[in-house]
Structure formats: C-alpha cells, structure tokens
Amino acid sequence: MKQERREWIKAVQELEGDLPGQVRALKAIEESDAWVHGKPVAFSYVPNLFNAQDMAFLQDTCTMTHRILTKVIERFIEDPSYREIFHFPPEAERLILLPCGYEEKLPMGRFDIFLDEDDKSFKFCEFNTDGSGAMSRDHLVSRALMETDSFKRFARTHKVEPFELFDSWVEAFMGIFKTDPCYVENPTVCVTDFRESGVFSDFNRFIEAFQRAGVNARFVDVRSFTFDGEHLIDPSDGTVINAIYRRSVTSEILQHPGECDAMIDAVAAGKVCLIGHFRTTVVHSKMVNVALFDPRTRAFLTDEEWAFVQAHVPVTYRLRHDTAELDISAVKADKDAWIIKPEDDYGASGVYPGVDFSQDEWERLVDENMDNAYIAQEFYPPRKVNVILPGRGTQMESWQQMPGFYQYCGKICGFYVRLGREGVIALDHGGIIANSYKVDC
C-alpha cells in the first residue's frame, strides 16, 4: 500500500502534476452518474493500491470477521435469551426471525476499518450489511483514472487492475438463490429500495449485470409489491418476482409501517427468496459492538476469535444511566476518546465524535442522547495518508482515511475508501473518496 502510493505520487510529480489527466478525470466524473447531493462525487487523484500481500492480510481479516458475525446471527436466531442484548423493537425482531430458505447468514457486507498502513493495525468503524452501497463510485473513478498519463506511467512497472463488484455479486447471489426452495429456472430478480433514497447508479449496474448473466432483472420500490398468497408481484406489469436483492435498510422499513407488508408477507410465507434477509440486521445494528463484548458471546467464540474482537472492535456501551459498566462522567470528561452513535441508523446520521465539539457542546450532546437508543464507543483516531485533489497539480495534502472492504459470502471483492478531515469521515462531512486497484496480484 504505502510503497505503491509513493510510486503513484512520484509518477504524478514526474508529469508535473499531470494537469491534463486531472482535468479529464474531473470531466469524466462530471459526465457520469456518480453524483452525490447534487454534485459530482469528490475524489482523490491518488488511488489505494493493494498488492498481493495486502490482499492476503485483508482476506484473512474478512474471513475472520465473516465467521464471527455469522456466529452472532446464528446465536440470535437460536437463543431467545441472547436476543435481549440487542434491545430490538418487537417488529424488528419479528423481521429478523422470519423464515429463510438458504444457509448463508451474511451474503453481502461492507466492513469499514481505520487502518494503519505502517503496521497494519486497525479498528473497525462499523459493519454495513443492509444497503451496503457506493460500488459505482469506485468503479467510475477507477475507470476515469485509467485514462490518465499518471495511471499509464505507474502501470509501466506494475500490473494494475480495477476491482469488479457487479458481476461478482450476481454470481454470489445466484449461487445462494439456487440453494433456496424458491429457486426456479428463468427467474425474475429485483433490486428493491425506497425510490427516493435509492442509489440508482448502483442499481442500474447491478440490473445490467444480472441481464448479462441471462437473468431477468428490474427495480421495484419496496412499497409497490403486491402479494396474492402465492406470488410476489410487480403490479406495474403483473410479473412474478422470484428473488430480491434487498438494498432497503431495516430501520427505514420500520419507519414505514404497513407500507412494505406485501414483501414482508411473501418472505414470511416462504414465497420469495430475500437476499440479504432481514437477519443481517443483527450485525448491521451498532448494538452488535455491545454484543461482541458480552460474556454470552465470548462463550461461543474460540480463543482466536475472542482475541480478534479484543484487538479490533472498539469497546462499546449503551448510552444509558443504567449501563453499569459505563462511567458517564468519564465519557463527558474525556471527549476526544469517545464517539456516540444511534443504535441502528445509517449514513452517519446522528453520529457525534467528541473531537468535533467543544467541552460544553459535548456534555450537552451526551445528556441529550442519554437513554435515547444511543451507544458510546471508544474513538479510534483515523490514520492519515497523502492525497492530491484533482485540479491542484502536485499539491499534496494529508487526509484521514477509512477503507471499507466489500465481502460477498466471506470473499473480498473490492473496496470503498473515504477520506475526511472531521471526526466523522463521510461525504456529508466534507469528505472525498479514493478508488482502489489491485497491484501485481
């Protein structure tokens, strides 16, 4: 990672900034569908470059993480007393426990980490399952940089490949679907989400990937289905839906009571294959961090798995007056050591790192969110890397980085890397993205 990053930056410097390439890359993204909040996604002109050693390390990390989280989901399903750790509302628990016809507990996820590239130490930021997205952003920036002289100069001495996240998901999806009782030849698959909050740059590419594989595919709003007791139907043309790629996060579904019942009823009746199933909510929730340190979890983890949790999962508590293990006065007093987050939300909504606030503001935020479905979590300072913003020649800046790796059934298939300058690394907080390549793999 680090050596390859230095070589890329050297290539840009040798080209005196490669301003023509930077301008072409900016124009390519402006003309693409990689827009966020009404403007083209901001990106670094320095990609992340993962060599074979890096990929082996990260795949080992992914394998262990997938194994541990799968065990947590399994225990939640099997043991009513274990569910008490999560404090899910009754409807969320009902959805999680709906029947599922296939074995894979965690088909898709994006696991975000704070990684030190010097010694490869890291802590997790969060585990995304429901709605893991942004694949198109990496794809489009990768494609744009491949047309630059910087890329071509770097590629003179390295084999460089973009990651592929669409066809690989179709392969994983169909492999799972074929093990489900709902499987039929020549099925119709749909991507589903709330239309107003869906990421269609992703959806359209996934639909095209299904079609390339010879599978009929479409988008259907999660509220639009009808269910006749036997078939889940797209009412726009009466087509029966056989399998669903769910991008609608469970917390958003719960905010629309009664509006998504057709899909839910079809899942409950075993009449449609839902990938990912609602049971992935167990590890999408921030409460999984609390659960990972609970003695009931330690009891079913191996020594190796427990050591991994202790080394890489930030210590997390429910932000409540009755959490015996939490010293609330210490949280208030040492603001830079803590971050508070909703127990179950997404998109960095309502996330407050102490480093971004004054002492008075921090104490007020802690008090306001006490006993309000929040967690208090150890804050792990993100490591910084050098970036060049396109349009600025060779001018380098140091930004905090948070790589996230996409896993399909426990296998790393690509990355979504964000950089920022605030305690929250997100596009909504002035952040940018950096695409990723495989190097000499």
Protein backbone atom coordinates (compact mmCIF):
# COMPACT_ATOMS: atom_id res chain seq x y z
CA MET A 1 0.00 0.00 0.00
CA LYS A 2 2.46 2.64 1.17
CA GLN A 3 5.21 1.91 -1.35
CA GLU A 4 2.75 1.80 -4.22
CA ARG A 5 1.17 5.07 -3.06
CA ARG A 6 4.61 6.73 -3.06
CA GLU A 7 5.28 5.44 -6.57
CA TRP A 8 1.95 6.77 -7.84
CA ILE A 9 2.62 10.19 -6.34
CA LYS A 10 6.11 10.13 -7.89
CA ALA A 11 4.52 9.42 -11.30
CA VAL A 12 2.23 12.44 -10.89
CA GLN A 13 5.19 14.60 -9.87
CA GLU A 14 7.28 13.44 -12.84
CA LEU A 15 4.41 14.55 -15.06
CA GLU A 16 4.44 17.95 -13.32
CA GLY A 17 1.04 17.23 -11.85
CA ASP A 18 -0.47 15.66 -14.98
CA LEU A 19 -2.99 18.51 -15.09
CA PRO A 20 -4.48 17.35 -18.40
CA GLY A 21 -5.16 13.96 -16.80
CA GLN A 22 -6.62 15.56 -13.69
CA VAL A 23 -8.95 17.70 -15.80
CA ARG A 24 -10.03 14.69 -17.90
CA ALA A 25 -10.76 12.69 -14.76
CA LEU A 26 -12.83 15.52 -13.29
CA LYS A 27 -14.76 15.84 -16.54
CA ALA A 28 -15.38 12.08 -16.71
CA ILE A 29 -16.94 12.10 -13.23
CA GLU A 30 -18.96 15.25 -14.01
CA GLU A 31 -20.42 13.47 -17.04
CA SER A 32 -21.11 10.25 -15.13
CA ASP A 33 -23.89 9.29 -12.71
CA ALA A 34 -21.52 9.42 -9.71
CA TRP A 35 -23.23 12.45 -8.22
CA VAL A 36 -23.90 12.96 -4.52
CA HIS A 37 -26.21 15.65 -3.15
CA GLY A 38 -26.46 17.39 -6.50
CA LYS A 39 -22.79 17.49 -7.46
CA PRO A 40 -20.12 15.11 -8.80
CA VAL A 41 -18.52 12.98 -6.10
CA ALA A 42 -15.25 14.49 -4.88
CA PHE A 43 -12.26 12.19 -5.19
CA SER A 44 -8.53 11.87 -4.69
CA TYR A 45 -6.15 11.69 -7.63
CA VAL A 46 -4.16 9.16 -5.59
CA PRO A 47 -5.89 5.76 -5.50
CA ASN A 48 -5.47 2.98 -2.97
CA LEU A 49 -3.16 0.33 -4.36
CA PHE A 50 -3.44 -3.11 -2.77
CA ASN A 51 -0.68 -5.58 -3.53
CA ALA A 52 -0.82 -9.37 -3.10
CA GLN A 53 0.45 -9.22 0.49
CA ASP A 54 -2.13 -6.56 1.37
CA MET A 55 -4.92 -8.62 -0.17
CA ALA A 56 -3.88 -11.76 1.72
CA PHE A 57 -3.90 -9.84 5.01
CA LEU A 58 -7.27 -8.23 4.30
CA GLN A 59 -8.81 -11.52 3.14
CA ASP A 60 -7.73 -13.16 6.38
CA THR A 61 -9.37 -10.24 8.22
CA CYS A 62 -12.53 -10.63 6.15
CA THR A 63 -12.69 -14.39 6.71
CA MET A 64 -12.41 -14.00 10.47
CA THR A 65 -14.93 -11.14 10.59
CA HIS A 66 -17.46 -13.03 8.47
CA ARG A 67 -17.06 -16.13 10.66
CA ILE A 68 -17.59 -14.23 13.92
CA LEU A 69 -20.57 -12.22 12.68
CA THR A 70 -22.17 -15.34 11.21
CA LYS A 71 -21.94 -16.98 14.64
CA VAL A 72 -23.60 -13.94 16.22
CA ILE A 73 -26.51 -14.11 13.75
CA GLU A 74 -26.89 -17.84 14.32
CA ARG A 75 -26.98 -17.43 18.09
CA PHE A 76 -29.52 -14.62 17.82
CA ILE A 77 -31.83 -16.85 15.78
CA GLU A 78 -31.41 -19.87 18.07
CA ASP A 79 -31.39 -18.33 21.54
CA PRO A 80 -34.17 -16.03 22.79
CA SER A 81 -32.10 -15.01 25.81
CA TYR A 82 -29.25 -13.85 23.53
CA ARG A 83 -31.63 -11.51 21.69
CA GLU A 84 -32.01 -9.49 24.88
CA ILE A 85 -28.56 -7.96 24.32
CA PHE A 86 -29.74 -6.12 21.22
CA HIS A 87 -32.94 -4.49 22.55
CA PHE A 88 -34.56 -4.53 19.11
CA PRO A 89 -38.15 -3.30 18.90
CA PRO A 90 -40.64 -6.18 18.51
CA GLU A 91 -41.24 -5.59 14.80
CA ALA A 92 -37.52 -5.59 14.00
CA GLU A 93 -37.10 -8.86 15.90
CA ARG A 94 -40.08 -10.35 14.05
CA LEU A 95 -38.49 -9.50 10.68
CA ILE A 96 -35.12 -10.93 11.69
CA LEU A 97 -36.74 -14.22 12.72
CA LEU A 98 -38.77 -14.69 9.52
CA PRO A 99 -38.00 -17.98 7.76
CA CYS A 100 -35.11 -18.14 5.31
CA GLY A 101 -34.60 -20.91 2.79
CA TYR A 102 -30.82 -20.74 2.38
CA GLU A 103 -27.92 -21.23 4.79
CA GLU A 104 -25.63 -18.22 4.14
CA LYS A 105 -26.18 -15.79 7.01
CA LEU A 106 -24.19 -12.84 5.70
CA PRO A 107 -24.20 -12.75 1.89
CA MET A 108 -23.06 -9.15 1.47
CA GLY A 109 -21.41 -6.60 3.68
CA ARG A 110 -19.03 -3.71 3.69
CA PHE A 111 -16.79 -3.60 6.73
CA ASP A 112 -15.24 -0.18 7.33
CA ILE A 113 -11.94 -0.01 9.20
CA PHE A 114 -9.42 2.55 10.43
CA LEU A 115 -6.19 1.09 9.09
CA ASP A 116 -2.59 1.98 9.90
CA GLU A 117 -0.71 1.20 6.69
CA ASP A 118 2.65 1.11 8.53
CA ASP A 119 1.96 -1.85 10.80
CA LYS A 120 -1.48 -2.97 9.53
CA SER A 121 -3.07 -2.43 12.93
CA PHE A 122 -6.72 -1.44 12.69
CA LYS A 123 -10.04 -0.99 14.42
CA PHE A 124 -13.46 -1.41 12.87
CA CYS A 125 -15.64 1.61 12.35
CA GLU A 126 -18.80 -0.36 11.59
CA PHE A 127 -20.27 -3.38 9.85
CA ASN A 128 -22.61 -2.48 6.98
CA THR A 129 -24.95 -5.15 5.67
CA ASP A 130 -28.39 -3.77 4.78
CA GLY A 131 -27.93 -1.30 1.97
CA SER A 132 -24.16 -1.65 1.55
CA GLY A 133 -23.58 0.53 -1.48
CA ALA A 134 -21.44 3.04 -3.39
CA MET A 135 -19.91 0.40 -5.69
CA SER A 136 -20.45 2.68 -8.69
CA ARG A 137 -18.31 5.44 -7.23
CA ASP A 138 -15.25 3.23 -7.01
CA HIS A 139 -15.97 1.80 -10.47
CA LEU A 140 -16.30 5.18 -12.18
CA VAL A 141 -13.32 6.87 -10.54
CA SER A 142 -11.19 3.79 -11.32
CA ARG A 143 -12.23 3.96 -14.94
CA ALA A 144 -11.55 7.72 -15.11
CA LEU A 145 -8.02 7.41 -13.67
CA MET A 146 -7.16 4.58 -16.06
CA GLU A 147 -7.35 7.10 -18.92
CA THR A 148 -4.68 9.35 -17.40
CA ASP A 149 -0.94 9.51 -18.04
CA SER A 150 -0.38 9.07 -14.30
CA PHE A 151 -2.01 5.64 -14.43
CA LYS A 152 -0.16 4.69 -17.60
CA ARG A 153 3.20 5.69 -16.14
CA PHE A 154 2.57 3.77 -12.92
CA ALA A 155 1.37 0.75 -14.95
CA ARG A 156 4.68 0.59 -16.82
CA THR A 157 6.20 -1.23 -13.86
CA HIS A 158 3.11 -2.82 -12.30
CA LYS A 159 0.18 -4.99 -13.28
CA VAL A 160 -2.81 -2.86 -12.25
CA GLU A 161 -6.47 -3.97 -12.27
CA PRO A 162 -9.69 -2.41 -11.02
CA PHE A 163 -11.89 -4.40 -8.68
CA GLU A 164 -15.12 -5.85 -10.07
CA LEU A 165 -18.19 -5.58 -7.84
CA PHE A 166 -21.21 -6.17 -10.07
CA ASP A 167 -20.82 -9.44 -11.98
CA SER A 168 -19.20 -10.98 -8.88
CA TRP A 169 -22.28 -10.14 -6.82
CA VAL A 170 -24.58 -11.67 -9.43
CA GLU A 171 -22.51 -14.86 -9.27
CA ALA A 172 -22.70 -14.93 -5.44
CA PHE A 173 -26.40 -14.03 -5.46
CA MET A 174 -27.38 -16.72 -7.93
CA GLY A 175 -25.26 -19.29 -6.10
CA ILE A 176 -27.28 -18.62 -2.93
CA PHE A 177 -30.59 -18.46 -4.77
CA LYS A 178 -30.03 -21.90 -6.32
CA THR A 179 -29.98 -23.40 -2.80
CA ASP A 180 -33.32 -21.80 -1.86
CA PRO A 181 -36.68 -23.65 -2.22
CA CYS A 182 -37.98 -20.66 -4.20
CA TYR A 183 -35.46 -21.24 -6.98
CA VAL A 184 -36.89 -21.58 -10.49
CA GLU A 185 -35.35 -21.68 -13.92
CA ASN A 186 -35.52 -18.35 -15.75
CA PRO A 187 -36.37 -16.31 -12.65
CA THR A 188 -37.12 -12.62 -12.35
CA VAL A 189 -34.90 -10.87 -9.82
CA CYS A 190 -35.49 -7.39 -8.48
CA VAL A 191 -33.43 -4.83 -6.65
CA THR A 192 -35.60 -3.13 -4.05
CA ASP A 193 -35.28 0.05 -2.01
CA PHE A 194 -37.19 3.24 -1.36
CA ARG A 195 -37.11 5.06 -4.69
CA GLU A 196 -36.41 8.45 -3.14
CA SER A 197 -33.38 7.24 -1.17
CA GLY A 198 -32.06 4.56 -3.53
CA VAL A 199 -28.67 4.76 -5.24
CA PHE A 200 -29.62 4.18 -8.87
CA SER A 201 -26.05 4.45 -10.13
CA ASP A 202 -25.57 1.14 -8.29
CA PHE A 203 -28.97 -0.35 -9.02
CA ASN A 204 -28.77 0.12 -12.78
CA ARG A 205 -25.35 -1.52 -12.94
CA PHE A 206 -26.48 -4.48 -10.87
CA ILE A 207 -29.54 -4.90 -13.10
CA GLU A 208 -27.29 -4.80 -16.17
CA ALA A 209 -25.01 -7.40 -14.55
CA PHE A 210 -27.97 -9.74 -13.92
CA GLN A 211 -29.03 -9.29 -17.52
CA ARG A 212 -25.51 -10.05 -18.77
CA ALA A 213 -25.80 -13.33 -16.87
CA GLY A 214 -29.07 -14.08 -18.65
CA VAL A 215 -31.28 -13.25 -15.64
CA ASN A 216 -34.34 -11.03 -15.95
CA ALA A 217 -33.92 -8.15 -13.50
CA ARG A 218 -35.59 -4.88 -12.60
CA PHE A 219 -36.03 -2.31 -9.83
CA VAL A 220 -39.21 -2.29 -7.72
CA ASP A 221 -39.89 0.17 -4.92
CA VAL A 222 -40.15 -1.76 -1.65
CA ARG A 223 -43.67 -0.32 -1.11
CA SER A 224 -45.00 -1.22 -4.55
CA PHE A 225 -45.25 -5.03 -4.47
CA THR A 226 -48.50 -6.95 -4.21
CA PHE A 227 -48.81 -10.46 -2.76
CA ASP A 228 -51.64 -12.85 -3.64
CA GLY A 229 -50.71 -15.53 -1.12
CA GLU A 230 -48.61 -17.46 -3.61
CA HIS A 231 -46.69 -14.93 -5.65
CA LEU A 232 -44.95 -11.63 -5.01
CA ILE A 233 -45.86 -9.42 -7.94
CA ASP A 234 -44.63 -6.24 -9.58
CA PRO A 235 -48.02 -4.62 -10.19
CA SER A 236 -46.69 -2.42 -12.98
CA ASP A 237 -46.95 -5.36 -15.39
CA GLY A 238 -48.01 -8.39 -13.31
CA THR A 239 -44.57 -10.04 -13.35
CA VAL A 240 -43.89 -12.57 -10.57
CA ILE A 241 -40.74 -11.80 -8.58
CA ASN A 242 -38.75 -14.87 -7.56
CA ALA A 243 -35.79 -13.33 -5.72
CA ILE A 244 -34.93 -9.96 -4.22
CA TYR A 245 -31.64 -8.14 -3.73
CA ARG A 246 -32.60 -6.00 -0.73
CA ARG A 247 -30.97 -2.60 -0.50
CA SER A 248 -33.67 -1.08 1.73
CA VAL A 249 -32.28 -0.89 5.27
CA THR A 250 -34.41 -2.40 8.01
CA SER A 251 -34.53 0.81 10.06
CA GLU A 252 -36.05 2.67 7.11
CA ILE A 253 -38.61 -0.09 6.52
CA LEU A 254 -39.63 0.23 10.17
CA GLN A 255 -40.24 3.93 9.59
CA HIS A 256 -42.92 2.99 7.03
CA PRO A 257 -45.24 0.70 8.99
CA GLY A 258 -47.75 -1.12 6.82
CA GLU A 259 -46.28 0.16 3.56
CA CYS A 260 -43.93 -2.77 2.88
CA ASP A 261 -46.22 -5.57 4.02
CA ALA A 262 -46.54 -7.32 0.66
CA MET A 263 -42.84 -8.10 0.51
CA ILE A 264 -42.69 -8.96 4.22
CA ASP A 265 -45.71 -11.28 3.95
CA ALA A 266 -44.19 -13.07 0.95
CA VAL A 267 -40.97 -13.66 2.89
CA ALA A 268 -42.95 -14.89 5.89
CA ALA A 269 -44.84 -17.32 3.66
CA GLY A 270 -41.64 -18.61 2.05
CA LYS A 271 -42.78 -17.49 -1.40
CA VAL A 272 -39.81 -15.30 -2.36
CA CYS A 273 -36.06 -15.52 -1.77
CA LEU A 274 -34.78 -12.43 0.04
CA ILE A 275 -31.02 -11.72 -0.22
CA GLY A 276 -29.93 -10.26 2.19
CA HIS A 277 -32.51 -11.48 4.56
CA PHE A 278 -33.63 -9.32 7.50
CA ARG A 279 -31.41 -11.43 9.77
CA THR A 280 -28.41 -9.40 8.57
CA THR A 281 -29.90 -6.57 10.66
CA VAL A 282 -28.35 -8.24 13.70
CA VAL A 283 -24.83 -7.20 12.64
CA HIS A 284 -25.82 -4.02 10.81
CA SER A 285 -27.03 -2.61 14.11
CA LYS A 286 -24.40 -0.78 16.18
CA MET A 287 -25.58 -2.94 19.07
CA VAL A 288 -23.51 -5.77 17.63
CA ASN A 289 -20.46 -3.99 19.07
CA VAL A 290 -22.02 -4.22 22.52
CA ALA A 291 -22.90 -7.87 21.92
CA LEU A 292 -19.37 -8.78 20.82
CA PHE A 293 -18.03 -7.93 24.28
CA ASP A 294 -20.85 -9.62 26.16
CA PRO A 295 -19.89 -12.78 28.13
CA ARG A 296 -22.64 -14.66 26.26
CA THR A 297 -20.77 -14.02 23.01
CA ARG A 298 -17.39 -14.87 24.49
CA ALA A 299 -18.86 -18.25 25.44
CA PHE A 300 -19.28 -19.37 21.81
CA LEU A 301 -16.17 -17.77 20.28
CA THR A 302 -12.86 -19.58 20.01
CA ASP A 303 -9.82 -18.11 21.74
CA GLU A 304 -8.58 -16.85 18.38
CA GLU A 305 -11.91 -15.19 17.59
CA TRP A 306 -12.09 -13.58 21.04
CA ALA A 307 -8.57 -12.20 20.67
CA PHE A 308 -9.57 -10.74 17.29
CA VAL A 309 -12.58 -8.99 18.84
CA GLN A 310 -10.47 -7.55 21.64
CA ALA A 311 -7.82 -6.30 19.22
CA HIS A 312 -10.04 -4.82 16.53
CA VAL A 313 -13.53 -3.95 17.80
CA PRO A 314 -13.81 -0.64 19.67
CA VAL A 315 -15.23 -1.03 23.16
CA THR A 316 -18.91 -0.04 23.07
CA TYR A 317 -21.64 0.55 25.66
CA ARG A 318 -25.29 1.51 25.58
CA LEU A 319 -25.51 5.19 26.45
CA ARG A 320 -27.83 4.76 29.37
CA HIS A 321 -27.88 5.66 33.03
CA ASP A 322 -28.46 2.01 33.88
CA THR A 323 -25.41 0.68 31.97
CA ALA A 324 -23.37 -0.45 34.94
CA GLU A 325 -20.09 -0.82 33.02
CA LEU A 326 -20.22 2.75 31.62
CA ASP A 327 -18.69 5.63 33.56
CA ILE A 328 -20.71 8.51 32.13
CA SER A 329 -18.63 11.13 33.92
CA ALA A 330 -15.51 9.71 32.24
CA VAL A 331 -17.19 9.90 28.82
CA LYS A 332 -18.01 13.56 29.42
CA ALA A 333 -14.60 14.40 30.83
CA ASP A 334 -12.51 12.80 28.04
CA LYS A 335 -14.45 13.86 24.96
CA ASP A 336 -11.69 13.10 22.44
CA ALA A 337 -11.70 9.44 23.48
CA TRP A 338 -15.38 8.86 22.65
CA ILE A 339 -17.95 8.93 19.87
CA ILE A 340 -21.70 8.49 20.28
CA LYS A 341 -23.96 6.97 17.62
CA PRO A 342 -27.56 5.80 17.19
CA GLU A 343 -28.03 2.11 17.94
CA ASP A 344 -29.49 1.46 14.49
CA ASP A 345 -29.16 4.01 11.69
CA TYR A 346 -27.06 4.57 8.60
CA GLY A 347 -25.31 7.22 6.53
CA ALA A 348 -23.51 8.81 9.52
CA SER A 349 -26.81 10.28 10.66
CA GLY A 350 -26.74 11.48 14.27
CA VAL A 351 -23.10 10.49 14.82
CA TYR A 352 -21.13 12.76 17.18
CA PRO A 353 -17.37 12.34 17.76
CA GLY A 354 -16.14 14.28 20.77
CA VAL A 355 -13.16 15.64 18.83
CA ASP A 356 -15.51 17.78 16.72
CA PHE A 357 -17.13 19.61 19.64
CA SER A 358 -16.28 21.95 22.47
CA GLN A 359 -16.44 20.59 26.00
CA ASP A 360 -19.79 22.28 26.68
CA GLU A 361 -21.27 21.07 23.37
CA TRP A 362 -20.06 17.53 24.04
CA GLU A 363 -21.57 17.35 27.51
CA ARG A 364 -24.85 18.66 26.12
CA LEU A 365 -24.87 16.03 23.34
CA VAL A 366 -24.18 13.24 25.80
CA ASP A 367 -27.02 14.41 28.04
CA GLU A 368 -29.45 14.88 25.12
CA ASN A 369 -28.85 11.37 23.81
CA MET A 370 -28.76 9.59 27.15
CA ASP A 371 -31.39 6.82 27.35
CA ASN A 372 -32.28 7.62 23.73
CA ALA A 373 -31.18 4.50 21.80
CA TYR A 374 -27.56 5.62 21.51
CA ILE A 375 -24.22 3.92 22.07
CA ALA A 376 -20.97 5.33 23.45
CA GLN A 377 -17.94 3.92 21.68
CA GLU A 378 -14.18 4.17 22.02
CA PHE A 379 -12.92 6.68 19.42
CA TYR A 380 -10.01 5.38 17.38
CA PRO A 381 -8.20 8.28 15.65
CA PRO A 382 -8.11 7.62 11.89
CA ARG A 383 -4.69 7.42 10.27
CA LYS A 384 -3.70 9.93 7.60
CA VAL A 385 -2.49 9.41 4.04
CA ASN A 386 -1.25 11.75 1.33
CA VAL A 387 -3.71 12.75 -1.37
CA ILE A 388 -3.71 15.05 -4.38
CA LEU A 389 -7.02 16.69 -5.22
CA PRO A 390 -7.61 16.77 -8.98
CA GLY A 391 -7.09 20.23 -10.42
CA ARG A 392 -4.30 21.10 -8.00
CA GLY A 393 -1.27 19.72 -9.79
CA THR A 394 1.29 18.22 -7.42
CA GLN A 395 -0.06 19.87 -4.27
CA MET A 396 -0.26 17.18 -1.60
CA GLU A 397 -2.49 17.18 1.46
CA SER A 398 -2.82 14.81 4.40
CA TRP A 399 -6.32 13.42 4.99
CA GLN A 400 -7.75 10.89 7.43
CA GLN A 401 -8.68 7.64 5.70
CA MET A 402 -11.29 4.93 6.26
CA PRO A 403 -11.10 1.95 3.89
CA GLY A 404 -14.11 -0.33 3.66
CA PHE A 405 -13.95 -3.76 2.05
CA TYR A 406 -16.92 -5.36 0.34
CA GLN A 407 -17.38 -9.04 1.07
CA TYR A 408 -19.63 -11.42 -0.84
CA CYS A 409 -20.11 -14.65 1.15
CA GLY A 410 -16.86 -14.06 3.02
CA LYS A 411 -14.71 -13.17 -0.01
CA ILE A 412 -13.32 -9.66 -0.55
CA CYS A 413 -14.43 -8.35 -3.93
CA GLY A 414 -13.48 -4.67 -3.71
CA PHE A 415 -13.27 -1.50 -1.67
CA TYR A 416 -14.96 1.80 -0.93
CA VAL A 417 -12.48 4.21 0.64
CA ARG A 418 -13.44 7.54 2.18
CA LEU A 419 -11.23 10.35 3.42
CA GLY A 420 -12.07 13.31 5.60
CA ARG A 421 -10.87 15.99 7.97
CA GLU A 422 -13.51 15.73 10.68
CA GLY A 423 -14.21 13.11 13.32
CA VAL A 424 -16.86 11.65 11.01
CA ILE A 425 -15.40 10.56 7.67
CA ALA A 426 -18.29 10.89 5.25
CA LEU A 427 -19.22 12.81 2.13
CA ASP A 428 -21.81 14.72 4.17
CA HIS A 429 -18.94 15.96 6.35
CA GLY A 430 -16.72 17.41 3.63
CA GLY A 431 -15.22 14.06 2.74
CA ILE A 432 -13.95 12.64 -0.52
CA ILE A 433 -13.45 9.14 -1.90
CA ALA A 434 -10.43 7.31 -3.29
CA ASN A 435 -10.80 4.43 -5.69
CA SER A 436 -8.84 1.19 -5.38
CA TYR A 437 -6.79 -1.07 -7.65
CA LYS A 438 -5.19 -4.49 -7.32
CA VAL A 439 -1.44 -4.25 -7.97
CA ASP A 440 0.74 -7.19 -9.02
CA CYS A 441 -1.85 -9.71 -7.81
